């Protein structure tokens, strides 16, 4: 197996939120979506997954996206949509969620 392996899905995905996932072999991983953050430990995601919600419901389901995978050794990256844009939108959603949380020190506009 080559050290670096990249695949891009030829088909477009509709009805799925943009996402960026990093798996660290058998250690665990993280998946970032604009409305949720998934964390897990160990090789099996479903058994040890924790979800941190950032918004009420998924966004952007009406847009088609391409899925790509990149494997470097035992680390695997997977993205639906542009990963940099996904991280930027997620950061904005997290900041909005944090700023709107009860007890936060950030002043809210009217």
N, C-alpha and C. Protein backbone atom coordinates (compact mmCIF):
# COMPACT_ATOMS: atom_id res chain seq x y z
N UNK A 1 0.84 -1.17 0.00
CA UNK A 1 0.00 0.00 0.00
C UNK A 1 0.89 1.24 0.00
N UNK A 2 0.61 2.23 -0.87
CA UNK A 2 1.43 3.44 -0.92
C UNK A 2 1.25 4.29 0.34
N UNK A 3 2.27 5.08 0.64
CA UNK A 3 2.22 5.96 1.81
C UNK A 3 1.16 7.03 1.66
N UNK A 4 0.97 7.55 0.45
CA UNK A 4 0.00 8.59 0.18
C UNK A 4 -1.00 8.08 -0.84
N UNK A 5 -2.28 8.14 -0.49
CA UNK A 5 -3.33 7.64 -1.38
C UNK A 5 -4.48 8.65 -1.39
N UNK A 6 -4.91 9.08 -2.57
CA UNK A 6 -5.98 10.07 -2.69
C UNK A 6 -7.05 9.58 -3.64
N UNK A 7 -8.31 9.72 -3.23
CA UNK A 7 -9.43 9.36 -4.09
C UNK A 7 -10.47 10.47 -4.04
N UNK A 8 -11.12 10.70 -5.18
CA UNK A 8 -12.21 11.66 -5.27
C UNK A 8 -13.39 10.93 -5.88
N UNK A 9 -14.52 11.01 -5.22
CA UNK A 9 -15.72 10.36 -5.71
C UNK A 9 -16.22 11.04 -6.98
N UNK A 10 -16.47 10.28 -8.04
CA UNK A 10 -16.96 10.90 -9.28
C UNK A 10 -18.41 11.36 -9.16
N UNK A 11 -19.16 10.79 -8.24
CA UNK A 11 -20.56 11.18 -8.10
C UNK A 11 -20.71 12.30 -7.06
N UNK A 12 -21.68 13.15 -7.29
CA UNK A 12 -21.97 14.27 -6.40
C UNK A 12 -22.98 13.80 -5.35
N UNK A 13 -22.83 14.29 -4.13
CA UNK A 13 -23.68 13.89 -3.01
C UNK A 13 -24.66 15.03 -2.73
N UNK A 14 -25.94 14.69 -2.66
CA UNK A 14 -26.98 15.67 -2.37
C UNK A 14 -27.70 15.24 -1.09
N UNK A 15 -28.10 16.19 -0.27
CA UNK A 15 -28.86 15.88 0.94
C UNK A 15 -27.97 15.55 2.12
N UNK A 16 -26.71 15.92 2.05
CA UNK A 16 -25.77 15.67 3.14
C UNK A 16 -25.02 16.95 3.45
N UNK A 17 -24.84 17.19 4.72
CA UNK A 17 -24.14 18.39 5.17
C UNK A 17 -22.66 18.29 4.83
N UNK A 18 -22.02 19.44 4.61
CA UNK A 18 -20.58 19.43 4.38
C UNK A 18 -19.89 18.89 5.64
N UNK A 19 -18.74 18.25 5.49
CA UNK A 19 -18.05 17.64 6.63
C UNK A 19 -16.57 17.52 6.35
N UNK A 20 -15.80 17.51 7.44
CA UNK A 20 -14.35 17.26 7.36
C UNK A 20 -14.01 16.31 8.50
N UNK A 21 -13.46 15.15 8.16
CA UNK A 21 -13.18 14.10 9.14
C UNK A 21 -11.70 13.74 9.12
N UNK A 22 -11.15 13.52 10.30
CA UNK A 22 -9.77 13.04 10.43
C UNK A 22 -9.80 11.82 11.34
N UNK A 23 -9.27 10.70 10.85
CA UNK A 23 -9.15 9.47 11.64
C UNK A 23 -7.68 9.20 11.89
N UNK A 24 -7.35 8.96 13.14
CA UNK A 24 -5.97 8.69 13.54
C UNK A 24 -5.78 7.20 13.80
N UNK A 25 -5.94 6.39 12.76
CA UNK A 25 -5.78 4.95 12.88
C UNK A 25 -6.69 4.38 13.95
N UNK A 26 -6.14 3.61 14.88
CA UNK A 26 -6.94 2.99 15.93
C UNK A 26 -7.09 3.88 17.16
N UNK A 27 -6.51 5.09 17.14
CA UNK A 27 -6.60 6.00 18.28
C UNK A 27 -7.99 6.64 18.38
N UNK A 28 -8.56 7.04 17.26
CA UNK A 28 -9.87 7.70 17.25
C UNK A 28 -9.93 8.71 16.14
N UNK A 29 -10.83 9.69 16.30
CA UNK A 29 -10.95 10.69 15.26
C UNK A 29 -11.90 11.80 15.63
N UNK A 30 -12.07 12.69 14.68
CA UNK A 30 -12.95 13.84 14.83
C UNK A 30 -13.60 14.14 13.48
N UNK A 31 -14.89 14.47 13.50
CA UNK A 31 -15.57 14.93 12.29
C UNK A 31 -16.20 16.27 12.61
N UNK A 32 -15.93 17.24 11.75
CA UNK A 32 -16.43 18.60 11.92
C UNK A 32 -17.48 18.87 10.87
N UNK A 33 -18.66 19.28 11.31
CA UNK A 33 -19.73 19.74 10.43
C UNK A 33 -20.15 21.12 10.91
N UNK A 34 -20.77 21.92 10.08
CA UNK A 34 -21.16 23.25 10.55
C UNK A 34 -22.08 23.23 11.76
N UNK A 35 -22.85 22.18 11.96
CA UNK A 35 -23.80 22.17 13.07
C UNK A 35 -23.46 21.18 14.18
N UNK A 36 -22.43 20.38 13.98
CA UNK A 36 -22.08 19.38 15.00
C UNK A 36 -20.60 19.05 14.95
N UNK A 37 -20.10 18.60 16.08
CA UNK A 37 -18.73 18.12 16.17
C UNK A 37 -18.80 16.71 16.75
N UNK A 38 -18.22 15.74 16.06
CA UNK A 38 -18.22 14.35 16.50
C UNK A 38 -16.80 13.99 16.94
N UNK A 39 -16.67 13.40 18.11
CA UNK A 39 -15.38 12.93 18.63
C UNK A 39 -15.53 11.47 19.02
N UNK A 40 -14.51 10.67 18.78
CA UNK A 40 -14.55 9.28 19.22
C UNK A 40 -13.14 8.80 19.49
N UNK A 41 -13.08 7.78 20.34
CA UNK A 41 -11.79 7.14 20.62
C UNK A 41 -11.88 5.68 20.20
N UNK A 42 -10.78 5.15 19.79
CA UNK A 42 -10.74 3.77 19.33
C UNK A 42 -11.10 3.65 17.87
N UNK A 43 -10.94 2.45 17.33
CA UNK A 43 -11.17 2.24 15.90
C UNK A 43 -12.65 2.26 15.50
N UNK A 44 -13.55 1.97 16.43
CA UNK A 44 -14.98 1.91 16.12
C UNK A 44 -15.67 3.20 16.52
N UNK A 45 -16.09 3.95 15.55
CA UNK A 45 -16.71 5.26 15.80
C UNK A 45 -18.03 5.16 16.55
N UNK A 46 -18.91 4.29 16.13
CA UNK A 46 -20.26 4.23 16.70
C UNK A 46 -20.28 3.81 18.16
N UNK A 47 -19.31 3.08 18.62
CA UNK A 47 -19.30 2.61 20.00
C UNK A 47 -18.88 3.69 21.00
N UNK A 48 -18.01 4.61 20.57
CA UNK A 48 -17.44 5.57 21.52
C UNK A 48 -17.61 7.02 21.06
N UNK A 49 -18.65 7.29 20.30
CA UNK A 49 -18.82 8.62 19.72
C UNK A 49 -19.49 9.59 20.70
N UNK A 50 -18.97 10.81 20.76
CA UNK A 50 -19.56 11.90 21.51
C UNK A 50 -19.93 12.99 20.50
N UNK A 51 -21.09 13.61 20.69
CA UNK A 51 -21.55 14.64 19.76
C UNK A 51 -21.71 15.95 20.51
N UNK A 52 -21.13 17.01 19.95
CA UNK A 52 -21.28 18.35 20.49
C UNK A 52 -22.11 19.16 19.49
N UNK A 53 -23.38 19.47 19.81
CA UNK A 53 -24.20 20.23 18.87
C UNK A 53 -23.81 21.70 18.86
N UNK A 54 -23.82 22.31 17.68
CA UNK A 54 -23.53 23.73 17.53
C UNK A 54 -24.74 24.50 17.01
N UNK A 55 -25.73 23.79 16.47
CA UNK A 55 -26.95 24.41 15.96
C UNK A 55 -28.08 23.40 16.06
N UNK A 56 -29.29 23.86 15.79
CA UNK A 56 -30.47 23.01 15.95
C UNK A 56 -30.61 21.92 14.89
N UNK A 57 -30.30 22.27 13.64
CA UNK A 57 -30.51 21.30 12.56
C UNK A 57 -29.45 21.47 11.47
N UNK A 58 -29.24 20.44 10.67
CA UNK A 58 -28.25 20.52 9.59
C UNK A 58 -28.57 21.65 8.61
N UNK A 59 -27.53 22.17 7.98
CA UNK A 59 -27.69 23.26 7.02
C UNK A 59 -27.08 22.87 5.68
N UNK A 60 -27.56 23.51 4.63
CA UNK A 60 -26.97 23.34 3.30
C UNK A 60 -27.22 21.99 2.67
N UNK A 61 -28.34 21.37 2.96
CA UNK A 61 -28.61 20.04 2.41
C UNK A 61 -29.02 20.07 0.94
N UNK A 62 -29.32 21.26 0.42
CA UNK A 62 -29.80 21.38 -0.96
C UNK A 62 -28.67 21.51 -1.98
N UNK A 63 -27.44 21.50 -1.54
CA UNK A 63 -26.30 21.68 -2.43
C UNK A 63 -25.57 20.36 -2.67
N UNK A 64 -25.16 20.14 -3.91
CA UNK A 64 -24.39 18.94 -4.23
C UNK A 64 -22.93 19.14 -3.82
N UNK A 65 -22.32 18.08 -3.33
CA UNK A 65 -20.92 18.14 -2.90
C UNK A 65 -20.17 16.91 -3.42
N UNK A 66 -18.88 17.07 -3.54
CA UNK A 66 -18.01 15.97 -3.92
C UNK A 66 -17.30 15.48 -2.67
N UNK A 67 -17.16 14.17 -2.55
CA UNK A 67 -16.45 13.60 -1.41
C UNK A 67 -15.04 13.20 -1.85
N UNK A 68 -14.06 13.52 -1.03
CA UNK A 68 -12.68 13.13 -1.33
C UNK A 68 -12.05 12.53 -0.08
N UNK A 69 -11.09 11.65 -0.31
CA UNK A 69 -10.36 11.00 0.78
C UNK A 69 -8.87 11.10 0.51
N UNK A 70 -8.13 11.28 1.58
CA UNK A 70 -6.68 11.32 1.51
C UNK A 70 -6.15 10.50 2.68
N UNK A 71 -5.30 9.55 2.37
CA UNK A 71 -4.69 8.72 3.41
C UNK A 71 -3.19 8.94 3.38
N UNK A 72 -2.65 9.27 4.55
CA UNK A 72 -1.21 9.45 4.72
C UNK A 72 -0.81 8.51 5.86
N UNK A 73 -0.21 7.39 5.51
CA UNK A 73 0.11 6.38 6.51
C UNK A 73 -1.16 5.87 7.14
N UNK A 74 -1.29 5.97 8.48
CA UNK A 74 -2.48 5.49 9.16
C UNK A 74 -3.49 6.60 9.43
N UNK A 75 -3.21 7.83 8.98
CA UNK A 75 -4.13 8.95 9.16
C UNK A 75 -4.95 9.12 7.88
N UNK A 76 -6.28 9.21 8.06
CA UNK A 76 -7.16 9.36 6.91
C UNK A 76 -7.97 10.65 7.04
N UNK A 77 -8.03 11.43 5.96
CA UNK A 77 -8.81 12.64 5.89
C UNK A 77 -9.94 12.40 4.91
N UNK A 78 -11.14 12.82 5.27
CA UNK A 78 -12.29 12.70 4.37
C UNK A 78 -13.03 14.03 4.40
N UNK A 79 -13.45 14.50 3.24
CA UNK A 79 -14.20 15.75 3.21
C UNK A 79 -15.33 15.67 2.21
N UNK A 80 -16.44 16.29 2.57
CA UNK A 80 -17.57 16.54 1.67
C UNK A 80 -17.64 18.04 1.53
N UNK A 81 -17.31 18.53 0.36
CA UNK A 81 -17.21 19.97 0.16
C UNK A 81 -15.79 20.43 0.46
N UNK A 82 -15.56 21.72 0.36
CA UNK A 82 -14.25 22.30 0.61
C UNK A 82 -13.94 22.26 2.11
N UNK A 83 -12.85 21.58 2.53
CA UNK A 83 -12.57 21.45 3.97
C UNK A 83 -12.28 22.78 4.66
N UNK A 84 -11.60 23.72 3.98
CA UNK A 84 -11.33 25.01 4.60
C UNK A 84 -12.62 25.79 4.84
N UNK A 85 -13.53 25.77 3.88
CA UNK A 85 -14.81 26.44 4.05
C UNK A 85 -15.62 25.77 5.15
N UNK A 86 -15.56 24.45 5.23
CA UNK A 86 -16.26 23.72 6.28
C UNK A 86 -15.75 24.16 7.66
N UNK A 87 -14.44 24.24 7.83
CA UNK A 87 -13.88 24.66 9.12
C UNK A 87 -14.24 26.11 9.44
N UNK A 88 -14.25 26.99 8.43
CA UNK A 88 -14.60 28.39 8.66
C UNK A 88 -16.07 28.53 9.08
N UNK A 89 -16.97 27.85 8.39
CA UNK A 89 -18.39 27.90 8.73
C UNK A 89 -18.62 27.32 10.12
N UNK A 90 -17.95 26.22 10.43
CA UNK A 90 -18.10 25.60 11.75
C UNK A 90 -17.62 26.53 12.85
N UNK A 91 -16.50 27.22 12.61
CA UNK A 91 -16.01 28.19 13.59
C UNK A 91 -17.00 29.31 13.82
N UNK A 92 -17.61 29.79 12.75
CA UNK A 92 -18.62 30.85 12.88
C UNK A 92 -19.85 30.35 13.64
N UNK A 93 -20.28 29.13 13.35
CA UNK A 93 -21.44 28.56 14.05
C UNK A 93 -21.12 28.33 15.53
N UNK A 94 -19.91 27.87 15.82
CA UNK A 94 -19.50 27.65 17.21
C UNK A 94 -19.46 28.97 17.97
N UNK A 95 -18.93 30.01 17.35
CA UNK A 95 -18.87 31.33 17.98
C UNK A 95 -20.28 31.87 18.22
N UNK A 96 -21.15 31.71 17.25
CA UNK A 96 -22.53 32.15 17.40
C UNK A 96 -23.22 31.38 18.52
N UNK A 97 -23.00 30.08 18.59
CA UNK A 97 -23.58 29.25 19.65
C UNK A 97 -23.06 29.67 21.02
N UNK A 98 -21.75 29.91 21.10
CA UNK A 98 -21.13 30.30 22.36
C UNK A 98 -21.61 31.69 22.79
N UNK A 99 -21.69 32.62 21.84
CA UNK A 99 -22.10 33.99 22.15
C UNK A 99 -23.56 34.06 22.58
N UNK A 100 -24.37 33.16 22.06
CA UNK A 100 -25.79 33.16 22.41
C UNK A 100 -26.13 32.31 23.62
N UNK A 101 -25.12 31.63 24.18
CA UNK A 101 -25.36 30.75 25.32
C UNK A 101 -25.67 31.57 26.57
N UNK A 102 -26.59 31.11 27.41
CA UNK A 102 -26.88 31.81 28.66
C UNK A 102 -25.62 31.87 29.54
N UNK A 103 -25.36 33.03 30.10
CA UNK A 103 -24.21 33.17 30.99
C UNK A 103 -22.93 33.54 30.26
N UNK A 104 -22.97 33.70 28.94
CA UNK A 104 -21.75 34.07 28.21
C UNK A 104 -21.47 35.55 28.44
N UNK A 105 -20.20 35.93 28.37
CA UNK A 105 -19.79 37.31 28.62
C UNK A 105 -19.80 38.17 27.36
N UNK A 106 -20.14 37.59 26.22
CA UNK A 106 -20.14 38.35 24.97
C UNK A 106 -21.45 39.11 24.86
N UNK A 107 -21.42 40.43 24.65
CA UNK A 107 -22.67 41.19 24.52
C UNK A 107 -23.39 40.80 23.24
N UNK A 108 -24.71 40.72 23.32
CA UNK A 108 -25.52 40.35 22.16
C UNK A 108 -26.15 41.59 21.57
N UNK A 109 -26.12 41.70 20.22
CA UNK A 109 -26.74 42.83 19.54
C UNK A 109 -28.23 42.70 19.52
N UNK A 110 -28.90 43.81 19.22
CA UNK A 110 -30.37 43.77 19.17
C UNK A 110 -30.87 43.69 17.76
